[in-house]
Amino acid sequence: MQSSELLAEVALGLAGQGALDDRMNEALEKIGHHLGVSRAYVFLDRPGNAITDNTHEWCAPGIEPQREALQGIEYAGIPTWRGMLELEGRILATDISTLAPDIRAILEPQDIQSLLVLPLHIKNVVAGFIGFDECGRSRGWDVEELSVLSIVSGVVSTVMERDLDRVLLAASEANFRQFFDTIDDLIVVADPEGRLVYANRAVQRCLGYSGEELDSMPLLQLHPVDRREEAGRIVGEMMRRERDTCPLELLRKDGSRFSVETRVWLGPWNGQNCLFGISKDLSAEQARLQMFARLFNDNPAPMALSGSADGRFEDVNTAFLERLGYKRGEVIGKSGLEIDLFVHPVQRKRFGEELAREGSINNVEMEIRCKDGRIVQGLFSGGIVENQGRRLFLTVMIDITEQVELRNRLEVQRRSLGNIIESSRLGTWEWNLLTGETIFNERWAGMLGYTLTELEPTTIDTWKRHILPTDFIIAEAHLARHFAGEKDFYEFEGRMRHKDGHLVWVLDRGKVIEWDDEGKPLRMFGTHQDITDKKELEEKLRRLSCGDQVD
C-alpha cells in the first residue's frame, strides 16, 4: 500500500462513525501493518498532564501487549521524555542506547530496540503521544515515513480533540437540563408543531405523568377537554407573539384541574425555534412572583430587560453579570453602547431596529465583549414585553462560544483533510443515496479530461455514464457487499471512458459514513485514483511472461 493510500484509509476510518476506540484501534492496525513495526500505540494524558495512560495498542504477532502494564505513568519519572516531545517535537531512535537513561529504563524491559514517538496536541498543548516500537532489531525511519506519521499524529490529535469537545458539550447540555429540573415551577418546551420536547420533573410531579407519557405529547392535551379549543387559539397567538401569557388551568392525569398562570417565550432548543412555558400555582401569589424572579435571576442563560426607546438596562440576571464580569451598578441605567458591550455596534443597531419593527428576534449571532476584554459568542433571541404600560426589550443570550469554536475547528479539520487528499492527488466523491446527488472534486473530473463545470449538475448517474457497463455490474456487486456489512470498505478497480475516448483505469474506494435507524446507507464518501500506468505495466509484464511481442 502506498503512503497516500494509507493516509486516505486512516483519515476515512477516523472520520467515520462508531466508537472512537474501535476506529483508533483499526487505524493503529493499518499503520502498524504498513510500517512493519512491532507495536503501535496511543497514550493520553490525564487532566493536568502529569500522568499518562496507554489507551490504544496494536501488536504484531509474537509481540507481548504492554497496555495493561503501562497505566498511570508519571512524567516526573521520565522527565526527558516529555521534554523531547515539547522541545524537539518527537523522540526518534534507531538504537535506544543513544537515549537518556530515564527513557532507557522504561523501554529496555519491553525489549524495544528502535522507536518513533510523536506528540498529540489537544487545545494547543501536548496531551499525549502516538508511538511505534521495533523489538528485537534496530531499524531506521526514512523521510517519507516520518512525513506520513507526522500527518497521522495531526489527524489523531484532531479526532481526539473533537471527541473531547463532544463530551464537554454533552455535559454542558446535561447541566442545563438539570438546572430546569431543580425549579419547582412547571417548565415545558414545545416544538413548532405543538408537541412536547421537554418537561421538567415538576410537570411529572404536579400532573402525575411519567416522562415517557409526556414525551411528544401534544401541548393541548395538558389542558381540560372543554378548554382545548380556546387553548389552541391562545397557543396560536403565542406563536405569533401576540400574547405571552395563558390563564387556562392544566389537567392532571387523574382528571383533576390544576390552576396556574403560564408565561411563555420563544427561544432555541436543539436547533429549532420552540415555545417555552413556565406555569405558576395561582394559590400562592407571592410565591409565584418570587419564583418568577428566581427563574429570571438563576437562569443559566444571560438575560436582560432594557428600555425600548433608549436601550438602557433596567434589569439583568445573575448569569449576565457573572458571564460578562460586571457588577449590577455598572450596568443598570446604562446602555450596551455606553459600556462598550458590543464588538460590532452597527450589528447591535440592526438587532434593535428589527426587534422594534418585528416585535421579536430569534437566533442572531453576535460577539459580546466582557468587562475584561474577552470576546463571547452569543446566540440572541428577544421580544417586546409590557410592564405597567411600558414597552421593554427582553433579550436572552445562549453562550455558544464553545459551539462556534468547535464549528471553526471542524472547518479546520475539513480543510486539513482536504489538503491531505489534494496532496495525494486523489479524486473525491460524496454520494447522497436518498437523492442521488453526488459531489465530485475537480481532480475527479480531470481524470476523465473534464472540468467540473462541464459535468454539472452531478449525480450518481454522472459516474454511471462514464464507467464501462460490464465494470458497472461488478462495481454494483462490491457496493452491495459493503452495504450488507460483509466488507468494511468498498473497493473496486474499473475502467472509465475519458473525454478523448480512451479508457482510464481507476481505483475506486469508499465507505458509508451515515446510516439510518434501520441500518440502510444514507451517505457515502470515497476516492478515485488513476492507476492506468500500473495496469498498463501489469499488461506488459503479462505479455512478456507469455512470450508475446511487446511494443
Protein backbone atom coordinates (compact mmCIF):
# COMPACT_ATOMS: atom_id res chain seq x y z
CA MET A 1 0.00 0.00 0.00
CA GLN A 2 1.33 3.44 -0.93
CA SER A 3 1.64 6.16 1.72
CA SER A 4 -1.09 8.23 0.07
CA GLU A 5 -3.45 5.25 0.22
CA LEU A 6 -2.59 4.71 3.90
CA LEU A 7 -3.34 8.36 4.71
CA ALA A 8 -6.66 8.20 2.88
CA GLU A 9 -7.69 4.99 4.67
CA VAL A 10 -6.66 6.27 8.11
CA ALA A 11 -8.39 9.62 7.55
CA LEU A 12 -11.57 7.93 6.28
CA GLY A 13 -11.61 5.47 9.16
CA LEU A 14 -11.06 8.04 11.91
CA ALA A 15 -13.65 10.40 10.39
CA GLY A 16 -16.29 7.66 10.22
CA GLN A 17 -18.97 6.61 12.65
CA GLY A 18 -18.81 4.14 15.52
CA ALA A 19 -16.95 4.08 18.82
CA LEU A 20 -13.73 6.10 18.90
CA ASP A 21 -11.83 3.17 20.49
CA ASP A 22 -12.74 0.88 17.57
CA ARG A 23 -11.80 3.49 14.96
CA MET A 24 -8.49 4.23 16.70
CA ASN A 25 -7.56 0.55 17.04
CA GLU A 26 -8.32 -0.04 13.34
CA ALA A 27 -6.12 2.94 12.41
CA LEU A 28 -3.20 1.66 14.53
CA GLU A 29 -3.51 -1.78 12.95
CA LYS A 30 -3.37 -0.33 9.42
CA ILE A 31 -0.36 1.85 10.27
CA GLY A 32 1.41 -0.99 12.08
CA HIS A 33 0.99 -3.36 9.14
CA HIS A 34 2.10 -0.67 6.69
CA LEU A 35 5.28 0.12 8.64
CA GLY A 36 6.00 -3.47 9.63
CA VAL A 37 6.67 -2.45 13.24
CA SER A 38 6.25 -4.49 16.41
CA ARG A 39 3.84 -2.18 18.22
CA ALA A 40 1.74 0.91 17.51
CA TYR A 41 0.08 2.72 20.41
CA VAL A 42 -1.53 5.87 21.74
CA PHE A 43 -1.06 7.42 25.19
CA LEU A 44 -3.38 10.13 26.53
CA ASP A 45 -2.60 12.37 29.50
CA ARG A 46 -4.90 12.74 32.46
CA PRO A 47 -6.10 16.26 33.42
CA GLY A 48 -3.09 18.32 34.46
CA ASN A 49 -0.79 16.47 32.02
CA ALA A 50 1.32 14.98 34.82
CA ILE A 51 0.25 11.35 34.32
CA THR A 52 -0.35 9.43 31.09
CA ASP A 53 -2.06 6.13 30.19
CA ASN A 54 -1.71 3.66 27.31
CA THR A 55 -5.25 3.91 25.85
CA HIS A 56 -4.90 2.09 22.50
CA GLU A 57 -2.46 -0.55 21.29
CA TRP A 58 -1.78 -2.85 18.36
CA CYS A 59 0.87 -5.59 18.46
CA ALA A 60 2.36 -7.68 15.68
CA PRO A 61 2.16 -11.49 16.05
CA GLY A 62 4.52 -12.73 18.74
CA ILE A 63 4.83 -9.34 20.45
CA GLU A 64 3.68 -9.19 24.08
CA PRO A 65 0.99 -6.50 24.72
CA GLN A 66 2.02 -3.78 27.17
CA ARG A 67 -1.18 -1.75 27.55
CA GLU A 68 -2.27 -3.10 30.95
CA ALA A 69 1.22 -2.56 32.41
CA LEU A 70 1.53 0.99 31.08
CA GLN A 71 -1.14 2.77 33.09
CA GLY A 72 -0.64 5.76 35.38
CA ILE A 73 2.84 6.57 34.09
CA GLU A 74 4.15 9.70 35.82
CA TYR A 75 6.15 12.07 33.66
CA ALA A 76 8.16 13.01 36.75
CA GLY A 77 9.85 9.61 36.46
CA ILE A 78 10.78 10.16 32.81
CA PRO A 79 11.33 13.95 32.54
CA THR A 80 13.44 13.64 29.37
CA TRP A 81 10.52 12.02 27.53
CA ARG A 82 8.12 14.94 27.83
CA GLY A 83 10.90 17.45 27.32
CA MET A 84 11.84 15.91 23.95
CA LEU A 85 8.20 15.86 22.82
CA GLU A 86 7.68 19.52 23.70
CA LEU A 87 11.04 20.92 22.55
CA GLU A 88 12.07 18.63 19.67
CA GLY A 89 8.62 17.57 18.53
CA ARG A 90 9.46 13.84 18.55
CA ILE A 91 11.53 11.03 20.06
CA LEU A 92 13.44 9.21 17.30
CA ALA A 93 15.95 6.45 17.95
CA THR A 94 17.38 3.86 15.56
CA ASP A 95 19.11 2.42 18.64
CA ILE A 96 17.66 3.23 22.09
CA SER A 97 21.13 3.06 23.63
CA THR A 98 21.55 6.64 22.38
CA LEU A 99 18.67 7.88 24.55
CA ALA A 100 18.78 9.28 28.07
CA PRO A 101 18.93 6.80 31.00
CA ASP A 102 15.43 7.63 32.30
CA ILE A 103 13.94 6.75 28.89
CA ARG A 104 16.01 3.56 28.51
CA ALA A 105 14.83 2.42 31.93
CA ILE A 106 11.23 2.19 30.73
CA LEU A 107 11.99 0.90 27.20
CA GLU A 108 14.56 -1.85 27.85
CA PRO A 109 12.23 -4.12 29.92
CA GLN A 110 9.93 -4.17 26.85
CA ASP A 111 12.81 -5.39 24.58
CA ILE A 112 12.43 -2.25 22.44
CA GLN A 113 15.40 -1.62 20.12
CA SER A 114 14.13 1.28 17.99
CA LEU A 115 11.20 3.65 18.26
CA LEU A 116 9.50 6.75 16.92
CA VAL A 117 7.19 8.81 19.17
CA LEU A 118 5.22 11.89 18.03
CA PRO A 119 3.23 14.29 20.28
CA LEU A 120 -0.55 14.64 20.24
CA HIS A 121 -1.71 18.24 20.62
CA ILE A 122 -5.10 18.90 22.20
CA LYS A 123 -6.13 22.51 22.73
CA ASN A 124 -2.64 23.63 21.70
CA VAL A 125 -0.74 21.65 24.36
CA VAL A 126 0.98 18.28 24.31
CA ALA A 127 -1.64 15.96 25.80
CA GLY A 128 -0.28 12.55 24.85
CA PHE A 129 1.63 10.82 22.09
CA ILE A 130 1.46 8.19 19.35
CA GLY A 131 4.38 5.77 19.11
CA PHE A 132 5.82 2.92 17.06
CA ASP A 133 8.23 0.32 18.51
CA GLU A 134 10.56 -2.20 16.92
CA CYS A 135 11.52 -5.10 19.17
CA GLY A 136 14.44 -7.48 18.67
CA ARG A 137 16.23 -5.44 15.98
CA SER A 138 17.25 -1.92 15.04
CA ARG A 139 15.55 -0.05 12.22
CA GLY A 140 15.67 3.37 10.64
CA TRP A 141 12.87 5.74 9.60
CA ASP A 142 13.04 7.27 6.16
CA VAL A 143 11.85 10.77 5.24
CA GLU A 144 8.58 9.56 3.70
CA GLU A 145 7.69 7.53 6.81
CA LEU A 146 8.42 10.50 9.08
CA SER A 147 6.29 12.79 6.89
CA VAL A 148 3.35 10.35 6.78
CA LEU A 149 3.44 9.67 10.53
CA SER A 150 3.64 13.40 11.29
CA ILE A 151 0.39 13.87 9.32
CA VAL A 152 -1.13 10.85 11.10
CA SER A 153 -0.30 12.36 14.51
CA GLY A 154 -2.09 15.56 13.42
CA VAL A 155 -5.17 13.61 12.31
CA VAL A 156 -5.25 11.61 15.57
CA SER A 157 -4.86 14.85 17.58
CA THR A 158 -7.79 16.39 15.72
CA VAL A 159 -10.00 13.33 16.28
CA MET A 160 -9.15 13.20 19.99
CA GLU A 161 -9.85 16.93 20.43
CA ARG A 162 -13.15 16.66 18.56
CA ASP A 163 -14.23 13.74 20.76
CA LEU A 164 -13.28 15.70 23.91
CA ASP A 165 -15.32 18.69 22.68
CA ARG A 166 -18.36 16.50 22.13
CA VAL A 167 -18.09 15.11 25.66
CA LEU A 168 -17.84 18.64 27.09
CA LEU A 169 -20.83 19.85 25.06
CA ALA A 170 -22.92 16.88 26.20
CA ALA A 171 -22.03 17.64 29.82
CA SER A 172 -22.98 21.30 29.31
CA GLU A 173 -26.39 20.33 27.94
CA ALA A 174 -26.92 17.87 30.82
CA ASN A 175 -26.17 20.63 33.35
CA PHE A 176 -28.70 22.93 31.66
CA ARG A 177 -31.44 20.29 31.86
CA GLN A 178 -30.52 19.50 35.45
CA PHE A 179 -30.98 23.15 36.33
CA PHE A 180 -34.53 23.13 34.92
CA ASP A 181 -35.26 20.01 36.95
CA THR A 182 -34.39 21.86 40.18
CA ILE A 183 -37.08 24.51 39.51
CA ASP A 184 -40.33 23.98 41.41
CA ASP A 185 -42.40 25.59 38.64
CA LEU A 186 -43.71 23.58 35.73
CA ILE A 187 -41.50 24.12 32.67
CA VAL A 188 -42.31 22.71 29.24
CA VAL A 189 -40.80 23.18 25.78
CA ALA A 190 -42.92 22.55 22.69
CA ASP A 191 -41.77 22.34 19.07
CA PRO A 192 -43.41 24.37 16.27
CA GLU A 193 -45.91 21.53 15.75
CA GLY A 194 -47.10 21.86 19.35
CA ARG A 195 -45.60 18.62 20.71
CA LEU A 196 -43.62 18.46 23.93
CA VAL A 197 -39.88 18.04 23.51
CA TYR A 198 -39.09 18.63 27.19
CA ALA A 199 -40.93 18.71 30.51
CA ASN A 200 -39.15 19.13 33.82
CA ARG A 201 -39.72 16.92 36.86
CA ALA A 202 -42.16 19.42 38.35
CA VAL A 203 -44.55 18.66 35.47
CA GLN A 204 -44.38 14.95 36.25
CA ARG A 205 -44.78 15.54 39.98
CA CYS A 206 -47.68 18.02 39.78
CA LEU A 207 -49.64 16.48 36.90
CA GLY A 208 -48.93 12.80 37.62
CA TYR A 209 -47.49 11.83 34.24
CA SER A 210 -44.32 9.82 33.64
CA GLY A 211 -41.53 11.15 31.46
CA GLU A 212 -42.39 8.58 28.78
CA GLU A 213 -46.04 9.69 28.72
CA LEU A 214 -45.05 13.34 28.32
CA ASP A 215 -42.56 12.67 25.52
CA SER A 216 -44.06 14.02 22.24
CA MET A 217 -47.46 14.58 23.91
CA PRO A 218 -49.49 17.34 22.20
CA LEU A 219 -49.26 20.51 24.27
CA LEU A 220 -53.04 20.98 24.16
CA GLN A 221 -53.52 17.63 25.90
CA LEU A 222 -52.27 19.27 29.12
CA HIS A 223 -55.46 21.37 29.20
CA PRO A 224 -59.02 20.20 30.07
CA VAL A 225 -61.00 18.89 27.10
CA ASP A 226 -63.58 21.67 27.32
CA ARG A 227 -60.87 24.34 27.13
CA ARG A 228 -58.69 22.88 24.38
CA GLU A 229 -60.23 24.87 21.57
CA GLU A 230 -59.54 28.06 23.49
CA ALA A 231 -56.08 26.76 24.39
CA GLY A 232 -55.33 26.15 20.72
CA ARG A 233 -56.30 29.72 19.86
CA ILE A 234 -54.10 31.07 22.66
CA VAL A 235 -51.13 28.94 21.61
CA GLY A 236 -51.51 30.29 18.07
CA GLU A 237 -51.45 33.85 19.41
CA MET A 238 -48.35 32.99 21.43
CA MET A 239 -46.56 31.56 18.40
CA ARG A 240 -47.41 34.79 16.55
CA ARG A 241 -46.11 36.71 19.59
CA GLU A 242 -49.46 38.44 20.09
CA ARG A 243 -49.53 37.45 23.77
CA ASP A 244 -47.14 35.96 26.31
CA THR A 245 -49.47 34.55 29.00
CA CYS A 246 -52.06 31.81 29.20
CA PRO A 247 -54.56 31.85 32.12
CA LEU A 248 -56.03 28.40 31.44
CA GLU A 249 -55.74 25.66 34.03
CA LEU A 250 -53.88 22.42 33.41
CA LEU A 251 -55.27 18.89 33.55
CA ARG A 252 -53.77 16.27 35.84
CA LYS A 253 -53.58 12.65 34.70
CA ASP A 254 -56.30 11.72 37.23
CA GLY A 255 -58.68 14.24 35.60
CA SER A 256 -58.50 16.95 38.25
CA ARG A 257 -57.68 20.55 37.35
CA PHE A 258 -54.60 22.46 38.37
CA SER A 259 -54.93 26.27 38.46
CA VAL A 260 -51.94 28.07 37.02
CA GLU A 261 -50.89 31.11 35.09
CA THR A 262 -48.50 30.29 32.31
CA ARG A 263 -45.96 32.65 30.82
CA VAL A 264 -44.27 31.82 27.54
CA TRP A 265 -41.42 32.93 25.35
CA LEU A 266 -39.82 31.75 22.15
CA GLY A 267 -36.26 30.56 22.01
CA PRO A 268 -33.87 27.99 20.51
CA TRP A 269 -33.95 24.35 21.66
CA ASN A 270 -31.98 21.63 19.87
CA GLY A 271 -31.55 23.81 16.82
CA GLN A 272 -35.17 24.88 16.28
CA ASN A 273 -37.32 27.75 17.47
CA CYS A 274 -39.55 26.41 20.26
CA LEU A 275 -42.19 27.65 22.68
CA PHE A 276 -41.06 27.75 26.33
CA GLY A 277 -43.67 27.78 29.06
CA ILE A 278 -43.42 28.21 32.82
CA SER A 279 -46.56 27.64 34.88
CA LYS A 280 -47.11 29.09 38.36
CA ASP A 281 -49.55 27.93 41.01
CA LEU A 282 -52.03 30.80 41.48
CA SER A 283 -52.83 29.74 45.05
CA ALA A 284 -49.66 31.40 46.29
CA GLU A 285 -49.39 34.74 44.51
CA GLN A 286 -46.40 35.95 46.46
CA ALA A 287 -44.55 32.69 45.93
CA ARG A 288 -45.35 32.95 42.21
CA LEU A 289 -43.72 36.36 41.97
CA GLN A 290 -40.67 35.24 43.90
CA MET A 291 -40.26 32.11 41.81
CA PHE A 292 -40.58 34.01 38.54
CA ALA A 293 -37.88 36.41 39.73
CA ARG A 294 -35.80 33.38 40.67
CA LEU A 295 -36.22 31.89 37.23
CA PHE A 296 -35.02 35.14 35.70
CA ASN A 297 -32.10 35.60 38.07
CA ASP A 298 -31.00 31.96 38.25
CA ASN A 299 -31.48 31.14 34.59
CA PRO A 300 -28.14 29.84 33.23
CA ALA A 301 -28.64 31.94 30.10
CA PRO A 302 -27.78 35.66 30.43
CA MET A 303 -31.00 37.71 30.26
CA ALA A 304 -31.69 41.44 30.25
CA LEU A 305 -34.59 43.90 30.28
CA SER A 306 -33.92 47.20 28.58
CA GLY A 307 -35.91 50.24 27.55
CA SER A 308 -37.29 50.03 24.01
CA ALA A 309 -36.61 53.73 23.42
CA ASP A 310 -33.14 54.32 24.89
CA GLY A 311 -31.77 50.77 25.25
CA ARG A 312 -30.75 51.33 28.88
CA PHE A 313 -30.69 48.24 31.07
CA GLU A 314 -33.45 48.14 33.67
CA ASP A 315 -32.63 44.65 34.95
CA VAL A 316 -30.17 41.87 34.22
CA ASN A 317 -29.96 38.42 35.73
CA THR A 318 -27.14 36.84 37.68
CA ALA A 319 -25.89 34.87 34.68
CA PHE A 320 -25.50 38.13 32.74
CA LEU A 321 -23.31 39.63 35.48
CA GLU A 322 -21.24 36.53 36.13
CA ARG A 323 -20.69 35.62 32.49
CA LEU A 324 -19.70 39.14 31.42
CA GLY A 325 -17.89 40.11 34.61
CA TYR A 326 -19.90 43.18 35.66
CA LYS A 327 -21.42 44.34 38.93
CA ARG A 328 -25.08 45.34 38.88
CA GLY A 329 -24.33 49.03 39.50
CA GLU A 330 -22.03 49.12 36.47
CA VAL A 331 -24.86 48.05 34.15
CA ILE A 332 -28.24 49.24 35.40
CA GLY A 333 -29.24 52.57 33.86
CA LYS A 334 -26.64 52.33 31.09
CA SER A 335 -26.91 51.11 27.52
CA GLY A 336 -24.81 48.41 25.90
CA LEU A 337 -23.07 51.04 23.81
CA GLU A 338 -22.08 53.01 26.91
CA ILE A 339 -20.30 50.05 28.49
CA ASP A 340 -18.77 49.01 25.13
CA LEU A 341 -20.63 45.70 25.26
CA PHE A 342 -20.94 45.08 21.53
CA VAL A 343 -17.93 44.24 19.40
CA HIS A 344 -19.87 45.39 16.31
CA PRO A 345 -22.18 48.29 17.34
CA VAL A 346 -23.71 48.50 13.85
CA GLN A 347 -24.87 44.92 14.17
CA ARG A 348 -26.45 45.73 17.55
CA LYS A 349 -28.25 48.69 15.98
CA ARG A 350 -29.77 46.45 13.31
CA PHE A 351 -30.73 43.98 16.07
CA GLY A 352 -32.65 46.71 17.97
CA GLU A 353 -34.31 48.06 14.83
CA GLU A 354 -35.58 44.63 13.82
CA LEU A 355 -36.75 43.92 17.36
CA ALA A 356 -38.71 47.19 17.41
CA ARG A 357 -40.11 46.60 13.92
CA GLU A 358 -40.98 42.89 14.13
CA GLY A 359 -41.64 42.58 17.86
CA SER A 360 -39.12 39.76 18.24
CA ILE A 361 -35.75 38.49 17.08
CA ASN A 362 -34.51 34.91 17.05
CA ASN A 363 -31.17 33.12 16.78
CA VAL A 364 -29.00 36.12 15.92
CA GLU A 365 -25.28 35.55 16.48
CA MET A 366 -23.33 38.50 17.90
CA GLU A 367 -19.95 38.94 19.54
CA ILE A 368 -20.09 40.39 23.06
CA ARG A 369 -17.17 41.96 24.91
CA CYS A 370 -16.79 41.06 28.59
CA LYS A 371 -15.61 43.64 31.08
CA ASP A 372 -12.07 42.20 30.99
CA GLY A 373 -11.98 42.37 27.18
CA ARG A 374 -12.68 38.69 26.46
CA ILE A 375 -14.98 38.06 23.48
CA VAL A 376 -18.02 35.80 23.92
CA GLN A 377 -20.05 34.37 21.04
CA GLY A 378 -23.77 34.78 21.84
CA LEU A 379 -26.94 33.49 20.18
CA PHE A 380 -29.62 36.12 20.88
CA SER A 381 -33.39 35.90 20.94
CA GLY A 382 -35.70 38.57 22.23
CA GLY A 383 -39.13 40.05 22.32
CA ILE A 384 -41.10 43.07 23.48
CA VAL A 385 -42.88 42.77 26.82
CA GLU A 386 -45.29 45.12 28.57
CA ASN A 387 -44.64 46.17 32.15
CA GLN A 388 -47.12 48.62 33.69
CA GLY A 389 -47.80 50.16 30.30
CA ARG A 390 -44.13 50.42 29.33
CA ARG A 391 -42.56 48.55 26.43
CA LEU A 392 -39.34 46.74 27.33
CA PHE A 393 -36.94 44.57 25.38
CA LEU A 394 -36.44 41.10 26.91
CA THR A 395 -33.32 39.51 25.45
CA VAL A 396 -31.88 36.07 26.11
CA MET A 397 -28.35 35.07 25.20
CA ILE A 398 -27.23 31.47 24.83
CA ASP A 399 -23.46 31.27 25.16
CA ILE A 400 -22.34 29.40 22.04
CA THR A 401 -18.64 30.20 22.34
CA GLU A 402 -17.77 26.50 22.66
CA GLN A 403 -20.03 25.56 19.75
CA VAL A 404 -18.57 28.28 17.50
CA GLU A 405 -15.04 27.22 18.41
CA LEU A 406 -16.00 23.59 17.70
CA ARG A 407 -17.55 24.64 14.39
CA ASN A 408 -14.38 26.50 13.47
CA ARG A 409 -12.20 23.57 14.49
CA LEU A 410 -14.33 21.19 12.42
CA GLU A 411 -13.87 23.54 9.44
CA VAL A 412 -10.10 23.48 10.02
CA GLN A 413 -10.27 19.69 10.19
CA ARG A 414 -12.23 19.62 6.94
CA ARG A 415 -9.65 21.80 5.23
CA SER A 416 -6.83 19.69 6.70
CA LEU A 417 -8.39 16.51 5.36
CA GLY A 418 -8.91 18.26 2.03
CA ASN A 419 -5.23 19.21 1.92
CA ILE A 420 -4.23 15.62 2.63
CA ILE A 421 -6.44 14.36 -0.17
CA GLU A 422 -5.24 17.12 -2.53
CA SER A 423 -1.59 16.31 -1.83
CA SER A 424 -2.35 12.65 -2.54
CA ARG A 425 -3.75 13.61 -5.99
CA LEU A 426 -6.99 11.77 -5.30
CA GLY A 427 -10.35 12.44 -6.81
CA THR A 428 -13.14 12.53 -4.21
CA TRP A 429 -16.87 11.86 -4.27
CA GLU A 430 -19.70 12.14 -1.76
CA TRP A 431 -22.94 10.33 -2.61
CA ASN A 432 -26.38 11.01 -1.06
CA LEU A 433 -28.10 7.65 -1.54
CA LEU A 434 -31.56 9.10 -0.87
CA THR A 435 -31.45 11.83 -3.53
CA GLY A 436 -28.73 10.51 -5.83
CA GLU A 437 -26.90 13.84 -5.55
CA THR A 438 -23.14 13.26 -5.81
CA ILE A 439 -20.41 15.83 -5.19
CA PHE A 440 -17.09 15.41 -7.01
CA ASN A 441 -13.90 17.44 -6.73
CA GLU A 442 -12.04 18.96 -9.67
CA ARG A 443 -9.43 16.18 -9.64
CA TRP A 444 -12.18 13.54 -10.16
CA ALA A 445 -13.38 15.33 -13.28
CA GLY A 446 -9.82 15.96 -14.51
CA MET A 447 -9.02 12.23 -14.54
CA LEU A 448 -11.61 11.93 -17.32
CA GLY A 449 -10.49 15.05 -19.19
CA TYR A 450 -13.31 17.30 -17.99
CA THR A 451 -13.66 20.35 -15.82
CA LEU A 452 -16.17 20.04 -13.02
CA THR A 453 -18.32 22.72 -14.64
CA GLU A 454 -18.68 20.58 -17.78
CA LEU A 455 -20.15 17.72 -15.74
CA GLU A 456 -22.59 19.74 -13.62
CA PRO A 457 -25.20 19.12 -12.36
CA THR A 458 -23.62 15.99 -10.91
CA THR A 459 -25.46 12.92 -9.63
CA ILE A 460 -24.59 9.24 -9.28
CA ASP A 461 -25.59 8.95 -12.96
CA THR A 462 -22.53 11.07 -13.82
CA TRP A 463 -20.39 8.17 -12.66
CA LYS A 464 -22.61 5.56 -14.32
CA ARG A 465 -22.37 7.33 -17.70
CA HIS A 466 -18.58 7.10 -17.75
CA ILE A 467 -17.88 3.63 -16.32
CA LEU A 468 -17.91 0.68 -18.72
CA PRO A 469 -21.24 -1.18 -18.41
CA THR A 470 -19.52 -4.52 -17.71
CA ASP A 471 -17.42 -2.96 -14.95
CA PHE A 472 -20.50 -1.19 -13.53
CA ILE A 473 -22.14 -4.58 -12.88
CA ILE A 474 -19.08 -5.70 -10.90
CA ALA A 475 -18.96 -2.39 -9.02
CA GLU A 476 -22.61 -2.80 -8.00
CA ALA A 477 -21.80 -6.21 -6.53
CA HIS A 478 -18.95 -4.73 -4.47
CA LEU A 479 -21.25 -1.93 -3.26
CA ALA A 480 -23.92 -4.45 -2.24
CA ARG A 481 -21.39 -6.41 -0.16
CA HIS A 482 -20.31 -3.20 1.62
CA PHE A 483 -23.93 -2.14 2.23
CA ALA A 484 -24.65 -5.61 3.68
CA GLY A 485 -21.74 -5.28 6.13
CA GLU A 486 -19.67 -8.02 4.52
CA LYS A 487 -16.87 -5.57 3.71
CA ASP A 488 -15.70 -2.62 5.84
CA PHE A 489 -14.80 -0.68 2.70
CA TYR A 490 -15.96 -0.60 -0.90
CA GLU A 491 -13.01 -1.12 -3.25
CA PHE A 492 -13.03 -1.75 -6.99
CA GLU A 493 -10.73 -1.36 -9.99
CA GLY A 494 -12.62 -0.38 -13.12
CA ARG A 495 -12.38 1.36 -16.45
CA MET A 496 -13.93 4.73 -17.25
CA ARG A 497 -14.28 6.50 -20.58
CA HIS A 498 -12.08 9.60 -21.00
CA LYS A 499 -13.43 12.67 -22.79
CA ASP A 500 -10.98 11.90 -25.65
CA GLY A 501 -12.36 8.37 -25.98
CA HIS A 502 -9.64 6.25 -24.41
CA LEU A 503 -10.08 4.22 -21.22
CA VAL A 504 -8.78 5.23 -17.82
CA TRP A 505 -8.24 2.63 -15.10
CA VAL A 506 -9.48 3.91 -11.71
CA LEU A 507 -9.12 2.51 -8.19
CA ASP A 508 -12.50 3.38 -6.65
CA ARG A 509 -12.63 3.21 -2.84
CA GLY A 510 -15.23 4.40 -0.35
CA LYS A 511 -17.17 3.88 2.84
CA VAL A 512 -20.68 4.60 4.14
CA ILE A 513 -20.38 7.38 6.72
CA GLU A 514 -24.07 7.70 7.67
CA TRP A 515 -26.80 5.06 8.16
CA ASP A 516 -30.47 5.36 9.09
CA ASP A 517 -32.07 3.73 12.13
CA GLU A 518 -32.88 0.61 10.09
CA GLY A 519 -29.28 0.13 9.02
CA LYS A 520 -29.73 1.41 5.47
CA PRO A 521 -26.94 3.56 3.95
CA LEU A 522 -27.68 7.28 3.66
CA ARG A 523 -24.39 8.92 2.72
CA MET A 524 -21.12 7.59 1.34
CA PHE A 525 -17.67 9.15 0.82
CA GLY A 526 -14.84 7.86 -1.33
CA THR A 527 -11.87 8.49 -3.58
CA HIS A 528 -10.72 7.83 -7.16
CA GLN A 529 -7.08 7.11 -8.01
CA ASP A 530 -5.80 6.93 -11.57
CA ILE A 531 -4.00 3.54 -11.87
CA THR A 532 -3.76 3.43 -15.67
CA ASP A 533 0.06 3.32 -15.65
CA LYS A 534 0.02 0.45 -13.17
CA LYS A 535 -2.47 -1.52 -15.24
CA GLU A 536 -0.53 -0.95 -18.47
CA LEU A 537 2.67 -2.15 -16.79
CA GLU A 538 0.89 -5.25 -15.49
CA GLU A 539 -0.37 -6.00 -19.01
CA LYS A 540 3.15 -5.66 -20.49
CA LEU A 541 4.58 -8.00 -17.85
CA ARG A 542 1.78 -10.49 -18.52
CA ARG A 543 2.50 -10.46 -22.24
CA LEU A 544 6.23 -10.86 -21.68
CA SER A 545 5.64 -13.85 -19.44
CA CYS A 546 3.53 -15.39 -22.22
CA GLY A 547 6.22 -14.74 -24.83
CA ASP A 548 4.14 -12.16 -26.70
CA GLN A 549 5.71 -9.28 -28.61
CA VAL A 550 5.65 -6.06 -26.54
CA ASP A 551 5.82 -2.67 -28.27
